[in-house]
Amino acid sequence: MDQENIDYLNRIAERMAAFDDIRGQVLSYILTNSIEDIALCTDLFVVGFLHEAYHRGESITEEELAVLLGDSDDDNDVFSKNAISLSEEKAELSFGELLDCTVENYQC
């Protein structure tokens, strides 16, 4: 395997580790705040992943979000390849502020 392929695989591994870390932070937030609403939990994971992508200087697609959320089964081409991002206002919040804002603005 040449160095270019090794570097590519290392970048993928680092990216997945970063998103896994975000997953853990969101889960900790959910447990600490005793959040039981499944839709709100999903929203928290989504904004967490979008926040990480923004701060990494990356874009993330609906399809990638689905994979990060554990739903990679897209037999019906439901997930788009369009990039999704946070608004500048939300992206500039700290991670904790973003999660708090998501909870405060959640509509049941």
PDB file of N, CA and C in Angstrom:
ATOM      1  N   MET A   1       0.858  -1.163   0.000  1.00  0.00           N
ATOM      2  CA  MET A   1       0.000   0.000   0.000  1.00  0.00           C
ATOM      3  C   MET A   1       0.913   1.237   0.000  1.00  0.00           C
ATOM      4  N   ASP A   2       0.614   2.172  -0.884  1.00  0.00           N
ATOM      5  CA  ASP A   2       1.465   3.357  -0.968  1.00  0.00           C
ATOM      6  C   ASP A   2       1.075   4.394   0.097  1.00  0.00           C
ATOM      7  N   GLN A   3       1.928   5.376   0.301  1.00  0.00           N
ATOM      8  CA  GLN A   3       1.739   6.378   1.350  1.00  0.00           C
ATOM      9  C   GLN A   3       0.464   7.188   1.154  1.00  0.00           C
ATOM     10  N   GLU A   4       0.098   7.456  -0.091  1.00  0.00           N
ATOM     11  CA  GLU A   4      -1.133   8.215  -0.361  1.00  0.00           C
ATOM     12  C   GLU A   4      -2.352   7.481   0.178  1.00  0.00           C
ATOM     13  N   ASN A   5      -2.424   6.176  -0.046  1.00  0.00           N
ATOM     14  CA  ASN A   5      -3.542   5.378   0.468  1.00  0.00           C
ATOM     15  C   ASN A   5      -3.520   5.318   1.992  1.00  0.00           C
ATOM     16  N   ILE A   6      -2.346   5.196   2.566  1.00  0.00           N
ATOM     17  CA  ILE A   6      -2.221   5.158   4.024  1.00  0.00           C
ATOM     18  C   ILE A   6      -2.699   6.478   4.621  1.00  0.00           C
ATOM     19  N   ASP A   7      -2.275   7.591   4.026  1.00  0.00           N
ATOM     20  CA  ASP A   7      -2.706   8.905   4.501  1.00  0.00           C
ATOM     21  C   ASP A   7      -4.215   9.066   4.394  1.00  0.00           C
ATOM     22  N   TYR A   8      -4.789   8.612   3.291  1.00  0.00           N
ATOM     23  CA  TYR A   8      -6.239   8.682   3.084  1.00  0.00           C
ATOM     24  C   TYR A   8      -6.976   7.897   4.169  1.00  0.00           C
ATOM     25  N   LEU A   9      -6.536   6.694   4.425  1.00  0.00           N
ATOM     26  CA  LEU A   9      -7.173   5.863   5.448  1.00  0.00           C
ATOM     27  C   LEU A   9      -7.001   6.462   6.838  1.00  0.00           C
ATOM     28  N   ASN A  10      -5.850   7.065   7.095  1.00  0.00           N
ATOM     29  CA  ASN A  10      -5.629   7.722   8.391  1.00  0.00           C
ATOM     30  C   ASN A  10      -6.562   8.918   8.571  1.00  0.00           C
ATOM     31  N   ARG A  11      -6.808   9.683   7.496  1.00  0.00           N
ATOM     32  CA  ARG A  11      -7.737  10.819   7.575  1.00  0.00           C
ATOM     33  C   ARG A  11      -9.161  10.332   7.855  1.00  0.00           C
ATOM     34  N   ILE A  12      -9.548   9.240   7.224  1.00  0.00           N
ATOM     35  CA  ILE A  12     -10.878   8.676   7.475  1.00  0.00           C
ATOM     36  C   ILE A  12     -10.988   8.217   8.921  1.00  0.00           C
ATOM     37  N   ALA A  13      -9.973   7.532   9.407  1.00  0.00           N
ATOM     38  CA  ALA A  13      -9.982   7.038  10.790  1.00  0.00           C
ATOM     39  C   ALA A  13     -10.053   8.199  11.778  1.00  0.00           C
ATOM     40  N   GLU A  14      -9.291   9.267  11.522  1.00  0.00           N
ATOM     41  CA  GLU A  14      -9.298  10.424  12.418  1.00  0.00           C
ATOM     42  C   GLU A  14     -10.663  11.096  12.411  1.00  0.00           C
ATOM     43  N   ARG A  15     -11.258  11.202  11.240  1.00  0.00           N
ATOM     44  CA  ARG A  15     -12.588  11.825  11.121  1.00  0.00           C
ATOM     45  C   ARG A  15     -13.634  11.013  11.884  1.00  0.00           C
ATOM     46  N   MET A  16     -13.616   9.710  11.714  1.00  0.00           N
ATOM     47  CA  MET A  16     -14.587   8.866  12.406  1.00  0.00           C
ATOM     48  C   MET A  16     -14.373   8.903  13.914  1.00  0.00           C
ATOM     49  N   ALA A  17     -13.127   8.971  14.347  1.00  0.00           N
ATOM     50  CA  ALA A  17     -12.840   9.077  15.785  1.00  0.00           C
ATOM     51  C   ALA A  17     -13.398  10.396  16.337  1.00  0.00           C
ATOM     52  N   ALA A  18     -13.256  11.473  15.578  1.00  0.00           N
ATOM     53  CA  ALA A  18     -13.777  12.775  16.015  1.00  0.00           C
ATOM     54  C   ALA A  18     -15.299  12.732  16.135  1.00  0.00           C
ATOM     55  N   PHE A  19     -15.966  12.139  15.158  1.00  0.00           N
ATOM     56  CA  PHE A  19     -17.424  12.051  15.214  1.00  0.00           C
ATOM     57  C   PHE A  19     -17.879  11.088  16.311  1.00  0.00           C
ATOM     58  N   ASP A  20     -17.101  10.058  16.576  1.00  0.00           N
ATOM     59  CA  ASP A  20     -17.428   9.143  17.669  1.00  0.00           C
ATOM     60  C   ASP A  20     -17.298   9.867  19.015  1.00  0.00           C
ATOM     61  N   ASP A  21     -16.297  10.736  19.134  1.00  0.00           N
ATOM     62  CA  ASP A  21     -16.137  11.533  20.347  1.00  0.00           C
ATOM     63  C   ASP A  21     -17.354  12.439  20.544  1.00  0.00           C
ATOM     64  N   ILE A  22     -17.828  13.053  19.474  1.00  0.00           N
ATOM     65  CA  ILE A  22     -19.033  13.896  19.552  1.00  0.00           C
ATOM     66  C   ILE A  22     -20.226  13.064  19.985  1.00  0.00           C
ATOM     67  N   ARG A  23     -20.342  11.879  19.435  1.00  0.00           N
ATOM     68  CA  ARG A  23     -21.448  10.978  19.807  1.00  0.00           C
ATOM     69  C   ARG A  23     -21.429  10.736  21.324  1.00  0.00           C
ATOM     70  N   GLY A  24     -20.245  10.504  21.869  1.00  0.00           N
ATOM     71  CA  GLY A  24     -20.113  10.280  23.308  1.00  0.00           C
ATOM     72  C   GLY A  24     -20.472  11.512  24.124  1.00  0.00           C
ATOM     73  N   GLN A  25     -20.059  12.685  23.645  1.00  0.00           N
ATOM     74  CA  GLN A  25     -20.384  13.920  24.347  1.00  0.00           C
ATOM     75  C   GLN A  25     -21.882  14.194  24.344  1.00  0.00           C
ATOM     76  N   VAL A  26     -22.526  13.938  23.219  1.00  0.00           N
ATOM     77  CA  VAL A  26     -23.982  14.138  23.134  1.00  0.00           C
ATOM     78  C   VAL A  26     -24.687  13.134  24.041  1.00  0.00           C
ATOM     79  N   LEU A  27     -24.254  11.903  24.028  1.00  0.00           N
ATOM     80  CA  LEU A  27     -24.865  10.889  24.891  1.00  0.00           C
ATOM     81  C   LEU A  27     -24.726  11.284  26.361  1.00  0.00           C
ATOM     82  N   SER A  28     -23.563  11.758  26.734  1.00  0.00           N
ATOM     83  CA  SER A  28     -23.349  12.210  28.112  1.00  0.00           C
ATOM     84  C   SER A  28     -24.297  13.357  28.457  1.00  0.00           C
ATOM     85  N   TYR A  29     -24.473  14.297  27.525  1.00  0.00           N
ATOM     86  CA  TYR A  29     -25.393  15.418  27.730  1.00  0.00           C
ATOM     87  C   TYR A  29     -26.826  14.898  27.917  1.00  0.00           C
ATOM     88  N   ILE A  30     -27.223  13.960  27.088  1.00  0.00           N
ATOM     89  CA  ILE A  30     -28.576  13.388  27.167  1.00  0.00           C
ATOM     90  C   ILE A  30     -28.797  12.718  28.517  1.00  0.00           C
ATOM     91  N   LEU A  31     -27.827  11.933  28.951  1.00  0.00           N
ATOM     92  CA  LEU A  31     -27.958  11.223  30.229  1.00  0.00           C
ATOM     93  C   LEU A  31     -27.922  12.188  31.412  1.00  0.00           C
ATOM     94  N   THR A  32     -27.033  13.158  31.371  1.00  0.00           N
ATOM     95  CA  THR A  32     -26.903  14.145  32.454  1.00  0.00           C
ATOM     96  C   THR A  32     -28.188  14.944  32.617  1.00  0.00           C
ATOM     97  N   ASN A  33     -28.837  15.249  31.501  1.00  0.00           N
ATOM     98  CA  ASN A  33     -30.045  16.066  31.526  1.00  0.00           C
ATOM     99  C   ASN A  33     -31.329  15.238  31.496  1.00  0.00           C
ATOM    100  N   SER A  34     -31.200  13.925  31.625  1.00  0.00           N
ATOM    101  CA  SER A  34     -32.352  13.005  31.670  1.00  0.00           C
ATOM    102  C   SER A  34     -33.340  13.246  30.530  1.00  0.00           C
ATOM    103  N   ILE A  35     -32.804  13.375  29.324  1.00  0.00           N
ATOM    104  CA  ILE A  35     -33.652  13.608  28.148  1.00  0.00           C
ATOM    105  C   ILE A  35     -34.151  12.262  27.639  1.00  0.00           C
ATOM    106  N   GLU A  36     -35.464  12.143  27.523  1.00  0.00           N
ATOM    107  CA  GLU A  36     -36.070  10.882  27.113  1.00  0.00           C
ATOM    108  C   GLU A  36     -36.758  10.947  25.759  1.00  0.00           C
ATOM    109  N   ASP A  37     -36.982  12.128  25.238  1.00  0.00           N
ATOM    110  CA  ASP A  37     -37.660  12.291  23.957  1.00  0.00           C
ATOM    111  C   ASP A  37     -36.723  11.856  22.827  1.00  0.00           C
ATOM    112  N   ILE A  38     -37.099  10.814  22.107  1.00  0.00           N
ATOM    113  CA  ILE A  38     -36.244  10.233  21.062  1.00  0.00           C
ATOM    114  C   ILE A  38     -35.965  11.236  19.947  1.00  0.00           C
ATOM    115  N   ALA A  39     -36.963  11.988  19.533  1.00  0.00           N
ATOM    116  CA  ALA A  39     -36.759  12.968  18.454  1.00  0.00           C
ATOM    117  C   ALA A  39     -35.784  14.055  18.895  1.00  0.00           C
ATOM    118  N   LEU A  40     -35.886  14.497  20.134  1.00  0.00           N
ATOM    119  CA  LEU A  40     -34.958  15.502  20.650  1.00  0.00           C
ATOM    120  C   LEU A  40     -33.543  14.924  20.718  1.00  0.00           C
ATOM    121  N   CYS A  41     -33.422  13.687  21.153  1.00  0.00           N
ATOM    122  CA  CYS A  41     -32.109  13.039  21.192  1.00  0.00           C
ATOM    123  C   CYS A  41     -31.490  13.003  19.795  1.00  0.00           C
ATOM    124  N   THR A  42     -32.290  12.641  18.813  1.00  0.00           N
ATOM    125  CA  THR A  42     -31.804  12.608  17.430  1.00  0.00           C
ATOM    126  C   THR A  42     -31.364  13.996  16.988  1.00  0.00           C
ATOM    127  N   ASP A  43     -32.168  15.008  17.312  1.00  0.00           N
ATOM    128  CA  ASP A  43     -31.796  16.386  16.964  1.00  0.00           C
ATOM    129  C   ASP A  43     -30.463  16.773  17.600  1.00  0.00           C
ATOM    130  N   LEU A  44     -30.243  16.367  18.840  1.00  0.00           N
ATOM    131  CA  LEU A  44     -28.993  16.689  19.527  1.00  0.00           C
ATOM    132  C   LEU A  44     -27.800  16.038  18.833  1.00  0.00           C
ATOM    133  N   PHE A  45     -27.965  14.785  18.421  1.00  0.00           N
ATOM    134  CA  PHE A  45     -26.883  14.126  17.681  1.00  0.00           C
ATOM    135  C   PHE A  45     -26.626  14.837  16.353  1.00  0.00           C
ATOM    136  N   VAL A  46     -27.683  15.197  15.652  1.00  0.00           N
ATOM    137  CA  VAL A  46     -27.533  15.868  14.353  1.00  0.00           C
ATOM    138  C   VAL A  46     -26.785  17.189  14.512  1.00  0.00           C
ATOM    139  N   VAL A  47     -27.222  18.037  15.450  1.00  0.00           N
ATOM    140  CA  VAL A  47     -26.538  19.325  15.602  1.00  0.00           C
ATOM    141  C   VAL A  47     -25.108  19.130  16.100  1.00  0.00           C
ATOM    142  N   GLY A  48     -24.888  18.095  16.896  1.00  0.00           N
ATOM    143  CA  GLY A  48     -23.523  17.799  17.335  1.00  0.00           C
ATOM    144  C   GLY A  48     -22.626  17.440  16.164  1.00  0.00           C
ATOM    145  N   PHE A  49     -23.108  16.592  15.278  1.00  0.00           N
ATOM    146  CA  PHE A  49     -22.328  16.207  14.096  1.00  0.00           C
ATOM    147  C   PHE A  49     -22.106  17.395  13.160  1.00  0.00           C
ATOM    148  N   LEU A  50     -23.135  18.224  12.991  1.00  0.00           N
ATOM    149  CA  LEU A  50     -22.997  19.402  12.138  1.00  0.00           C
ATOM    150  C   LEU A  50     -21.997  20.394  12.733  1.00  0.00           C
ATOM    151  N   HIS A  51     -22.012  20.539  14.034  1.00  0.00           N
ATOM    152  CA  HIS A  51     -21.070  21.428  14.725  1.00  0.00           C
ATOM    153  C   HIS A  51     -19.640  20.930  14.517  1.00  0.00           C
ATOM    154  N   GLU A  52     -19.441  19.649  14.669  1.00  0.00           N
ATOM    155  CA  GLU A  52     -18.097  19.075  14.466  1.00  0.00           C
ATOM    156  C   GLU A  52     -17.634  19.285  13.026  1.00  0.00           C
ATOM    157  N   ALA A  53     -18.514  19.018  12.080  1.00  0.00           N
ATOM    158  CA  ALA A  53     -18.150  19.200  10.669  1.00  0.00           C
ATOM    159  C   ALA A  53     -17.764  20.650  10.406  1.00  0.00           C
ATOM    160  N   TYR A  54     -18.535  21.588  10.935  1.00  0.00           N
ATOM    161  CA  TYR A  54     -18.247  23.006  10.734  1.00  0.00           C
ATOM    162  C   TYR A  54     -16.848  23.352  11.256  1.00  0.00           C
ATOM    163  N   HIS A  55     -16.556  22.905  12.456  1.00  0.00           N
ATOM    164  CA  HIS A  55     -15.274  23.250  13.072  1.00  0.00           C
ATOM    165  C   HIS A  55     -14.098  22.479  12.471  1.00  0.00           C
ATOM    166  N   ARG A  56     -14.383  21.449  11.720  1.00  0.00           N
ATOM    167  CA  ARG A  56     -13.346  20.734  10.980  1.00  0.00           C
ATOM    168  C   ARG A  56     -13.167  21.328   9.572  1.00  0.00           C
ATOM    169  N   GLY A  57     -14.034  22.280   9.227  1.00  0.00           N
ATOM    170  CA  GLY A  57     -13.971  22.869   7.894  1.00  0.00           C
ATOM    171  C   GLY A  57     -14.488  21.923   6.826  1.00  0.00           C
ATOM    172  N   GLU A  58     -15.407  21.060   7.209  1.00  0.00           N
ATOM    173  CA  GLU A  58     -15.951  20.055   6.289  1.00  0.00           C
ATOM    174  C   GLU A  58     -17.446  20.295   6.077  1.00  0.00           C
ATOM    175  N   SER A  59     -17.944  19.709   5.031  1.00  0.00           N
ATOM    176  CA  SER A  59     -19.389  19.671   4.841  1.00  0.00           C
ATOM    177  C   SER A  59     -19.842  18.247   5.157  1.00  0.00           C
ATOM    178  N   ILE A  60     -21.108  18.121   5.437  1.00  0.00           N
ATOM    179  CA  ILE A  60     -21.664  16.797   5.739  1.00  0.00           C
ATOM    180  C   ILE A  60     -23.002  16.692   5.007  1.00  0.00           C
ATOM    181  N   THR A  61     -23.267  15.544   4.450  1.00  0.00           N
ATOM    182  CA  THR A  61     -24.496  15.347   3.687  1.00  0.00           C
ATOM    183  C   THR A  61     -25.542  14.623   4.524  1.00  0.00           C
ATOM    184  N   GLU A  62     -26.762  14.672   4.039  1.00  0.00           N
ATOM    185  CA  GLU A  62     -27.847  13.934   4.695  1.00  0.00           C
ATOM    186  C   GLU A  62     -27.496  12.444   4.751  1.00  0.00           C
ATOM    187  N   GLU A  63     -26.919  11.958   3.686  1.00  0.00           N
ATOM    188  CA  GLU A  63     -26.517  10.553   3.620  1.00  0.00           C
ATOM    189  C   GLU A  63     -25.468  10.226   4.703  1.00  0.00           C
ATOM    190  N   GLU A  64     -24.467  11.110   4.868  1.00  0.00           N
ATOM    191  CA  GLU A  64     -23.445  10.895   5.897  1.00  0.00           C
ATOM    192  C   GLU A  64     -24.039  10.974   7.293  1.00  0.00           C
ATOM    193  N   LEU A  65     -24.980  11.911   7.500  1.00  0.00           N
ATOM    194  CA  LEU A  65     -25.653  11.995   8.792  1.00  0.00           C
ATOM    195  C   LEU A  65     -26.390  10.704   9.106  1.00  0.00           C
ATOM    196  N   ALA A  66     -27.053  10.146   8.112  1.00  0.00           N
ATOM    197  CA  ALA A  66     -27.773   8.891   8.310  1.00  0.00           C
ATOM    198  C   ALA A  66     -26.818   7.780   8.759  1.00  0.00           C
ATOM    199  N   VAL A  67     -25.660   7.721   8.140  1.00  0.00           N
ATOM    200  CA  VAL A  67     -24.667   6.716   8.526  1.00  0.00           C
ATOM    201  C   VAL A  67     -24.204   6.959   9.955  1.00  0.00           C
ATOM    202  N   LEU A  68     -23.915   8.215  10.290  1.00  0.00           N
ATOM    203  CA  LEU A  68     -23.474   8.535  11.650  1.00  0.00           C
ATOM    204  C   LEU A  68     -24.543   8.219  12.687  1.00  0.00           C
ATOM    205  N   LEU A  69     -25.808   8.302  12.275  1.00  0.00           N
ATOM    206  CA  LEU A  69     -26.914   7.986  13.176  1.00  0.00           C
ATOM    207  C   LEU A  69     -27.260   6.501  13.177  1.00  0.00           C
ATOM    208  N   GLY A  70     -26.533   5.731  12.383  1.00  0.00           N
ATOM    209  CA  GLY A  70     -26.738   4.282  12.365  1.00  0.00           C
ATOM    210  C   GLY A  70     -27.769   3.803  11.377  1.00  0.00           C
ATOM    211  N   ASP A  71     -28.161   4.637  10.436  1.00  0.00           N
ATOM    212  CA  ASP A  71     -29.170   4.260   9.435  1.00  0.00           C
ATOM    213  C   ASP A  71     -28.557   4.350   8.041  1.00  0.00           C
ATOM    214  N   SER A  72     -27.746   3.379   7.705  1.00  0.00           N
ATOM    215  CA  SER A  72     -27.075   3.408   6.406  1.00  0.00           C
ATOM    216  C   SER A  72     -27.865   2.692   5.312  1.00  0.00           C
ATOM    217  N   ASP A  73     -29.045   2.177   5.641  1.00  0.00           N
ATOM    218  CA  ASP A  73     -29.865   1.458   4.675  1.00  0.00           C
ATOM    219  C   ASP A  73     -30.651   2.461   3.836  1.00  0.00           C
ATOM    220  N   ASP A  74     -30.168   2.734   2.643  1.00  0.00           N
ATOM    221  CA  ASP A  74     -30.803   3.711   1.760  1.00  0.00           C
ATOM    222  C   ASP A  74     -31.190   3.053   0.435  1.00  0.00           C
ATOM    223  N   ASP A  75     -31.911   1.952   0.527  1.00  0.00           N
ATOM    224  CA  ASP A  75     -32.312   1.226  -0.675  1.00  0.00           C
ATOM    225  C   ASP A  75     -33.212   2.047  -1.593  1.00  0.00           C
ATOM    226  N   ASN A  76     -33.958   2.988  -1.016  1.00  0.00           N
ATOM    227  CA  ASN A  76     -34.903   3.778  -1.806  1.00  0.00           C
ATOM    228  C   ASN A  76     -34.360   5.159  -2.155  1.00  0.00           C
ATOM    229  N   ASP A  77     -33.063   5.369  -2.000  1.00  0.00           N
ATOM    230  CA  ASP A  77     -32.436   6.667  -2.288  1.00  0.00           C
ATOM    231  C   ASP A  77     -33.152   7.826  -1.593  1.00  0.00           C
ATOM    232  N   VAL A  78     -33.484   7.623  -0.320  1.00  0.00           N
ATOM    233  CA  VAL A  78     -34.173   8.645   0.467  1.00  0.00           C
ATOM    234  C   VAL A  78     -33.211   9.760   0.870  1.00  0.00           C
ATOM    235  N   PHE A  79     -31.972   9.400   1.186  1.00  0.00           N
ATOM    236  CA  PHE A  79     -31.000  10.372   1.684  1.00  0.00           C
ATOM    237  C   PHE A  79     -30.319  11.097   0.527  1.00  0.00           C
ATOM    238  N   SER A  80     -30.287  12.417   0.629  1.00  0.00           N
ATOM    239  CA  SER A  80     -29.671  13.204  -0.438  1.00  0.00           C
ATOM    240  C   SER A  80     -28.167  13.331  -0.206  1.00  0.00           C
ATOM    241  N   LYS A  81     -27.496  13.741  -1.233  1.00  0.00           N
ATOM    242  CA  LYS A  81     -26.065  13.996  -1.147  1.00  0.00           C
ATOM    243  C   LYS A  81     -25.796  15.496  -1.020  1.00  0.00           C
ATOM    244  N   ASN A  82     -26.863  16.259  -0.742  1.00  0.00           N
ATOM    245  CA  ASN A  82     -26.724  17.699  -0.551  1.00  0.00           C
ATOM    246  C   ASN A  82     -26.096  17.978   0.811  1.00  0.00           C
ATOM    247  N   ALA A  83     -25.223  18.963   0.845  1.00  0.00           N
ATOM    248  CA  ALA A  83     -24.563  19.341   2.097  1.00  0.00           C
ATOM    249  C   ALA A  83     -25.560  20.035   3.024  1.00  0.00           C
ATOM    250  N   ILE A  84     -25.424  19.747   4.299  1.00  0.00           N
ATOM    251  CA  ILE A  84     -26.247  20.356   5.336  1.00  0.00           C
ATOM    252  C   ILE A  84     -25.289  21.063   6.286  1.00  0.00           C
ATOM    253  N   SER A  85     -25.686  22.219   6.778  1.00  0.00           N
ATOM    254  CA  SER A  85     -24.813  22.918   7.713  1.00  0.00           C
ATOM    255  C   SER A  85     -25.633  23.718   8.712  1.00  0.00           C
ATOM    256  N   LEU A  86     -24.972  24.094   9.794  1.00  0.00           N
ATOM    257  CA  LEU A  86     -25.591  24.967  10.780  1.00  0.00           C
ATOM    258  C   LEU A  86     -25.547  26.400  10.257  1.00  0.00           C
ATOM    259  N   SER A  87     -26.451  27.218  10.746  1.00  0.00           N
ATOM    260  CA  SER A  87     -26.362  28.646  10.442  1.00  0.00           C
ATOM    261  C   SER A  87     -25.091  29.178  11.102  1.00  0.00           C
ATOM    262  N   GLU A  88     -24.562  30.264  10.575  1.00  0.00           N
ATOM    263  CA  GLU A  88     -23.352  30.868  11.156  1.00  0.00           C
ATOM    264  C   GLU A  88     -23.568  31.167  12.637  1.00  0.00           C
ATOM    265  N   GLU A  89     -24.752  31.673  12.960  1.00  0.00           N
ATOM    266  CA  GLU A  89     -25.069  32.022  14.348  1.00  0.00           C
ATOM    267  C   GLU A  89     -24.952  30.806  15.259  1.00  0.00           C
ATOM    268  N   LYS A  90     -25.513  29.690  14.834  1.00  0.00           N
ATOM    269  CA  LYS A  90     -25.470  28.467  15.640  1.00  0.00           C
ATOM    270  C   LYS A  90     -24.078  27.851  15.651  1.00  0.00           C
ATOM    271  N   ALA A  91     -23.386  27.925  14.527  1.00  0.00           N
ATOM    272  CA  ALA A  91     -22.064  27.318  14.414  1.00  0.00           C
ATOM    273  C   ALA A  91     -21.044  27.994  15.324  1.00  0.00           C
ATOM    274  N   GLU A  92     -21.266  29.271  15.634  1.00  0.00           N
ATOM    275  CA  GLU A  92     -20.328  30.004  16.474  1.00  0.00           C
ATOM    276  C   GLU A  92     -20.561  29.782  17.966  1.00  0.00           C
ATOM    277  N   LEU A  93     -21.667  29.129  18.325  1.00  0.00           N
ATOM    278  CA  LEU A  93     -21.917  28.809  19.733  1.00  0.00           C
ATOM    279  C   LEU A  93     -20.930  27.739  20.194  1.00  0.00           C
ATOM    280  N   SER A  94     -20.656  27.703  21.480  1.00  0.00           N
ATOM    281  CA  SER A  94     -19.867  26.589  22.011  1.00  0.00           C
ATOM    282  C   SER A  94     -20.716  25.324  21.887  1.00  0.00           C
ATOM    283  N   PHE A  95     -20.073  24.189  22.003  1.00  0.00           N
ATOM    284  CA  PHE A  95     -20.802  22.926  21.860  1.00  0.00           C
ATOM    285  C   PHE A  95     -21.921  22.822  22.898  1.00  0.00           C
ATOM    286  N   GLY A  96     -21.616  23.141  24.145  1.00  0.00           N
ATOM    287  CA  GLY A  96     -22.621  23.086  25.206  1.00  0.00           C
ATOM    288  C   GLY A  96     -23.758  24.062  24.975  1.00  0.00           C
ATOM    289  N   GLU A  97     -23.419  25.276  24.540  1.00  0.00           N
ATOM    290  CA  GLU A  97     -24.451  26.277  24.244  1.00  0.00           C
ATOM    291  C   GLU A  97     -25.359  25.806  23.117  1.00  0.00           C
ATOM    292  N   LEU A  98     -24.778  25.164  22.117  1.00  0.00           N
ATOM    293  CA  LEU A  98     -25.565  24.662  20.994  1.00  0.00           C
ATOM    294  C   LEU A  98     -26.549  23.591  21.450  1.00  0.00           C
ATOM    295  N   LEU A  99     -26.083  22.672  22.281  1.00  0.00           N
ATOM    296  CA  LEU A  99     -26.980  21.628  22.790  1.00  0.00           C
ATOM    297  C   LEU A  99     -28.077  22.243  23.651  1.00  0.00           C
ATOM    298  N   ASP A 100     -27.699  23.184  24.526  1.00  0.00           N
ATOM    299  CA  ASP A 100     -28.700  23.861  25.361  1.00  0.00           C
ATOM    300  C   ASP A 100     -29.730  24.587  24.495  1.00  0.00           C
ATOM    301  N   CYS A 101     -29.263  25.281  23.476  1.00  0.00           N
ATOM    302  CA  CYS A 101     -30.150  26.015  22.564  1.00  0.00           C
ATOM    303  C   CYS A 101     -31.104  25.056  21.849  1.00  0.00           C
ATOM    304  N   THR A 102     -30.592  23.915  21.453  1.00  0.00           N
ATOM    305  CA  THR A 102     -31.427  22.915  20.776  1.00  0.00           C
ATOM    306  C   THR A 102     -32.549  22.443  21.695  1.00  0.00           C
ATOM    307  N   VAL A 103     -32.219  22.177  22.954  1.00  0.00           N
ATOM    308  CA  VAL A 103     -33.225  21.735  23.926  1.00  0.00           C
ATOM    309  C   VAL A 103     -34.243  22.853  24.169  1.00  0.00           C
ATOM    310  N   GLU A 104     -33.752  24.071  24.381  1.00  0.00           N
ATOM    311  CA  GLU A 104     -34.633  25.198  24.682  1.00  0.00           C
ATOM    312  C   GLU A 104     -35.600  25.498  23.545  1.00  0.00           C
ATOM    313  N   ASN A 105     -35.178  25.274  22.312  1.00  0.00           N
ATOM    314  CA  ASN A 105     -36.012  25.603  21.152  1.00  0.00           C
ATOM    315  C   ASN A 105     -36.755  24.411  20.577  1.00  0.00           C
ATOM    316  N   TYR A 106     -36.674  23.266  21.254  1.00  0.00           N
ATOM    317  CA  TYR A 106     -37.306  22.050  20.736  1.00  0.00           C
ATOM    318  C   TYR A 106     -38.820  22.171  20.800  1.00  0.00           C
ATOM    319  N   GLN A 107     -39.460  21.810  19.703  1.00  0.00           N
ATOM    320  CA  GLN A 107     -40.919  21.810  19.626  1.00  0.00           C
ATOM    321  C   GLN A 107     -41.411  20.368  19.635  1.00  0.00           C
ATOM    322  N   CYS A 108     -42.110  19.987  20.674  1.00  0.00           N
ATOM    323  CA  CYS A 108     -42.618  18.608  20.800  1.00  0.00           C
ATOM    324  C   CYS A 108     -43.626  18.289  19.732  1.00  0.00           C
TER     325      CYS A 108
END
